[in-house]
Amino acid sequence: MKKIVLTVAVVAGILGVTLAVHVYLATRPHIDARTRYMARIDLHQPIDQTDAEKIRIWLLQQKGVDRVLVNPRWSTAVFTYVPLTTDVNGIVQALKTSLPYSNAVRYLPTKEQMKRACPVMH
């Protein structure tokens, strides 16, 4: 009986350590060439569909940007990019100087908004 209890305790300990290592490795941030981040730019001025298409094409030409959605109704642009090769703040600055959207700003949610957005962060 003592041998069985000891064996079960050792196996449970090994499984517990394995689980802890797995959770640590799975939840720590890791950035590689396949990693994509998403950013949003608020234009703070009315745009139409022609403007939206110009912005979309311009953003797609920026290094590391691979998908772009521009909503003329809300005057926002959302895009995904490779964080290893792309400076999103540089893209916003370049957009402001290259195109006539000097009021454009990168949208960054507050810490409180981030907490409400993801139930895991509670």
C-alpha atoms as a PDB file:
ATOM      1  CA  MET A   1       0.000   0.000   0.000  1.00  0.00           C
ATOM      2  CA  LYS A   2       2.856   2.371   0.870  1.00  0.00           C
ATOM      3  CA  LYS A   3       4.441   1.716  -2.530  1.00  0.00           C
ATOM      4  CA  ILE A   4       1.210   2.579  -4.378  1.00  0.00           C
ATOM      5  CA  VAL A   5       0.742   5.854  -2.477  1.00  0.00           C
ATOM      6  CA  LEU A   6       4.370   6.824  -3.134  1.00  0.00           C
ATOM      7  CA  THR A   7       4.040   6.001  -6.845  1.00  0.00           C
ATOM      8  CA  VAL A   8       0.812   8.024  -7.151  1.00  0.00           C
ATOM      9  CA  ALA A   9       2.435  10.982  -5.339  1.00  0.00           C
ATOM     10  CA  VAL A  10       5.505  10.908  -7.611  1.00  0.00           C
ATOM     11  CA  VAL A  11       3.366  10.688 -10.778  1.00  0.00           C
ATOM     12  CA  ALA A  12       1.095  13.507  -9.552  1.00  0.00           C
ATOM     13  CA  GLY A  13       4.168  15.630  -8.759  1.00  0.00           C
ATOM     14  CA  ILE A  14       5.658  15.038 -12.228  1.00  0.00           C
ATOM     15  CA  LEU A  15       2.322  15.871 -13.877  1.00  0.00           C
ATOM     16  CA  GLY A  16       1.995  19.021 -11.756  1.00  0.00           C
ATOM     17  CA  VAL A  17       5.468  20.237 -12.705  1.00  0.00           C
ATOM     18  CA  THR A  18       4.795  19.416 -16.371  1.00  0.00           C
ATOM     19  CA  LEU A  19       1.540  21.389 -16.257  1.00  0.00           C
ATOM     20  CA  ALA A  20       3.223  24.370 -14.589  1.00  0.00           C
ATOM     21  CA  VAL A  21       6.000  24.437 -17.212  1.00  0.00           C
ATOM     22  CA  HIS A  22       3.440  24.158 -20.031  1.00  0.00           C
ATOM     23  CA  VAL A  23       1.326  27.031 -18.666  1.00  0.00           C
ATOM     24  CA  TYR A  24       4.421  29.194 -18.254  1.00  0.00           C
ATOM     25  CA  LEU A  25       5.628  28.530 -21.809  1.00  0.00           C
ATOM     26  CA  ALA A  26       2.179  28.952 -23.347  1.00  0.00           C
ATOM     27  CA  THR A  27       1.383  32.254 -21.648  1.00  0.00           C
ATOM     28  CA  ARG A  28       4.659  34.143 -21.884  1.00  0.00           C
ATOM     29  CA  PRO A  29       4.914  36.600 -24.766  1.00  0.00           C
ATOM     30  CA  HIS A  30       6.846  35.423 -27.783  1.00  0.00           C
ATOM     31  CA  ILE A  31       7.350  37.384 -30.977  1.00  0.00           C
ATOM     32  CA  ASP A  32       8.588  35.818 -34.181  1.00  0.00           C
ATOM     33  CA  ALA A  33       8.158  36.291 -37.939  1.00  0.00           C
ATOM     34  CA  ARG A  34       4.638  34.803 -37.779  1.00  0.00           C
ATOM     35  CA  THR A  35       3.445  37.148 -35.018  1.00  0.00           C
ATOM     36  CA  ARG A  36       0.909  39.780 -36.057  1.00  0.00           C
ATOM     37  CA  TYR A  37      -0.330  42.752 -34.082  1.00  0.00           C
ATOM     38  CA  MET A  38      -3.340  44.887 -34.861  1.00  0.00           C
ATOM     39  CA  ALA A  39      -3.496  48.671 -34.779  1.00  0.00           C
ATOM     40  CA  ARG A  40      -6.214  51.231 -35.271  1.00  0.00           C
ATOM     41  CA  ILE A  41      -5.893  54.773 -36.572  1.00  0.00           C
ATOM     42  CA  ASP A  42      -8.641  57.306 -35.892  1.00  0.00           C
ATOM     43  CA  LEU A  43      -8.643  59.941 -38.624  1.00  0.00           C
ATOM     44  CA  HIS A  44     -10.792  62.546 -36.791  1.00  0.00           C
ATOM     45  CA  GLN A  45     -12.193  63.960 -40.024  1.00  0.00           C
ATOM     46  CA  PRO A  46     -14.884  62.819 -42.443  1.00  0.00           C
ATOM     47  CA  ILE A  47     -13.762  60.557 -45.286  1.00  0.00           C
ATOM     48  CA  ASP A  48     -15.600  58.999 -48.193  1.00  0.00           C
ATOM     49  CA  GLN A  49     -15.100  55.692 -49.994  1.00  0.00           C
ATOM     50  CA  THR A  50     -12.451  57.189 -52.317  1.00  0.00           C
ATOM     51  CA  ASP A  51     -10.449  58.409 -49.332  1.00  0.00           C
ATOM     52  CA  ALA A  52     -10.852  55.023 -47.675  1.00  0.00           C
ATOM     53  CA  GLU A  53      -9.418  53.280 -50.722  1.00  0.00           C
ATOM     54  CA  LYS A  54      -6.455  55.703 -50.890  1.00  0.00           C
ATOM     55  CA  ILE A  55      -5.689  55.060 -47.213  1.00  0.00           C
ATOM     56  CA  ARG A  56      -6.058  51.302 -47.658  1.00  0.00           C
ATOM     57  CA  ILE A  57      -3.656  51.237 -50.619  1.00  0.00           C
ATOM     58  CA  TRP A  58      -1.167  53.510 -48.853  1.00  0.00           C
ATOM     59  CA  LEU A  59      -1.161  51.370 -45.704  1.00  0.00           C
ATOM     60  CA  LEU A  60      -0.705  48.164 -47.709  1.00  0.00           C
ATOM     61  CA  GLN A  61       2.429  49.672 -49.249  1.00  0.00           C
ATOM     62  CA  GLN A  62       4.034  50.138 -45.829  1.00  0.00           C
ATOM     63  CA  LYS A  63       6.653  47.604 -44.768  1.00  0.00           C
ATOM     64  CA  GLY A  64       5.216  44.824 -42.602  1.00  0.00           C
ATOM     65  CA  VAL A  65       1.543  45.719 -43.089  1.00  0.00           C
ATOM     66  CA  ASP A  66      -0.425  42.815 -44.500  1.00  0.00           C
ATOM     67  CA  ARG A  67      -4.153  43.442 -43.994  1.00  0.00           C
ATOM     68  CA  VAL A  68      -6.067  46.719 -43.931  1.00  0.00           C
ATOM     69  CA  LEU A  69      -9.690  47.641 -43.328  1.00  0.00           C
ATOM     70  CA  VAL A  70     -10.838  51.275 -43.575  1.00  0.00           C
ATOM     71  CA  ASN A  71     -14.306  52.286 -42.412  1.00  0.00           C
ATOM     72  CA  PRO A  72     -15.398  55.599 -43.956  1.00  0.00           C
ATOM     73  CA  ARG A  73     -18.484  55.752 -41.735  1.00  0.00           C
ATOM     74  CA  TRP A  74     -16.388  55.850 -38.554  1.00  0.00           C
ATOM     75  CA  SER A  75     -13.224  57.380 -40.117  1.00  0.00           C
ATOM     76  CA  THR A  76     -11.028  54.589 -38.837  1.00  0.00           C
ATOM     77  CA  ALA A  77      -8.370  52.342 -40.321  1.00  0.00           C
ATOM     78  CA  VAL A  78      -7.506  48.976 -38.779  1.00  0.00           C
ATOM     79  CA  PHE A  79      -4.515  46.973 -39.955  1.00  0.00           C
ATOM     80  CA  THR A  80      -2.312  44.051 -38.995  1.00  0.00           C
ATOM     81  CA  TYR A  81       1.443  44.267 -39.058  1.00  0.00           C
ATOM     82  CA  VAL A  82       4.629  42.369 -38.223  1.00  0.00           C
ATOM     83  CA  PRO A  83       6.008  43.875 -34.980  1.00  0.00           C
ATOM     84  CA  LEU A  84       9.566  42.719 -35.739  1.00  0.00           C
ATOM     85  CA  THR A  85       9.810  44.860 -38.864  1.00  0.00           C
ATOM     86  CA  THR A  86       7.213  47.581 -38.433  1.00  0.00           C
ATOM     87  CA  ASP A  87       7.073  50.709 -36.291  1.00  0.00           C
ATOM     88  CA  VAL A  88       3.367  51.447 -36.075  1.00  0.00           C
ATOM     89  CA  ASN A  89       3.924  54.927 -34.628  1.00  0.00           C
ATOM     90  CA  GLY A  90       6.157  55.694 -37.615  1.00  0.00           C
ATOM     91  CA  ILE A  91       3.376  54.574 -39.935  1.00  0.00           C
ATOM     92  CA  VAL A  92       0.921  56.932 -38.252  1.00  0.00           C
ATOM     93  CA  GLN A  93       3.371  59.839 -38.538  1.00  0.00           C
ATOM     94  CA  ALA A  94       4.061  59.025 -42.189  1.00  0.00           C
ATOM     95  CA  LEU A  95       0.321  58.843 -42.896  1.00  0.00           C
ATOM     96  CA  LYS A  96      -0.134  62.299 -41.392  1.00  0.00           C
ATOM     97  CA  THR A  97       2.577  63.783 -43.609  1.00  0.00           C
ATOM     98  CA  SER A  98       2.058  61.747 -46.807  1.00  0.00           C
ATOM     99  CA  LEU A  99      -1.718  62.059 -47.019  1.00  0.00           C
ATOM    100  CA  PRO A 100      -3.952  64.978 -46.010  1.00  0.00           C
ATOM    101  CA  TYR A 101      -4.945  63.481 -42.635  1.00  0.00           C
ATOM    102  CA  SER A 102      -3.029  65.574 -40.121  1.00  0.00           C
ATOM    103  CA  ASN A 103      -5.570  64.792 -37.382  1.00  0.00           C
ATOM    104  CA  ALA A 104      -4.881  61.048 -37.536  1.00  0.00           C
ATOM    105  CA  VAL A 105      -3.951  59.415 -34.216  1.00  0.00           C
ATOM    106  CA  ARG A 106      -3.257  55.885 -33.170  1.00  0.00           C
ATOM    107  CA  TYR A 107      -5.993  54.518 -30.958  1.00  0.00           C
ATOM    108  CA  LEU A 108      -4.660  53.002 -27.745  1.00  0.00           C
ATOM    109  CA  PRO A 109      -7.186  51.612 -25.247  1.00  0.00           C
ATOM    110  CA  THR A 110      -6.796  52.485 -21.588  1.00  0.00           C
ATOM    111  CA  LYS A 111      -5.756  49.841 -19.051  1.00  0.00           C
ATOM    112  CA  GLU A 112      -9.343  49.746 -17.806  1.00  0.00           C
ATOM    113  CA  GLN A 113     -10.671  49.113 -21.337  1.00  0.00           C
ATOM    114  CA  MET A 114      -8.092  46.354 -21.792  1.00  0.00           C
ATOM    115  CA  LYS A 115      -9.221  44.659 -18.591  1.00  0.00           C
ATOM    116  CA  ARG A 116     -12.858  44.729 -19.702  1.00  0.00           C
ATOM    117  CA  ALA A 117     -11.990  43.412 -23.158  1.00  0.00           C
ATOM    118  CA  CYS A 118     -10.413  40.115 -22.096  1.00  0.00           C
ATOM    119  CA  PRO A 119     -11.888  37.915 -19.344  1.00  0.00           C
ATOM    120  CA  VAL A 120      -8.505  36.221 -18.831  1.00  0.00           C
ATOM    121  CA  MET A 121      -6.917  39.471 -17.610  1.00  0.00           C
ATOM    122  CA  HIS A 122      -9.261  39.702 -14.581  1.00  0.00           C
END
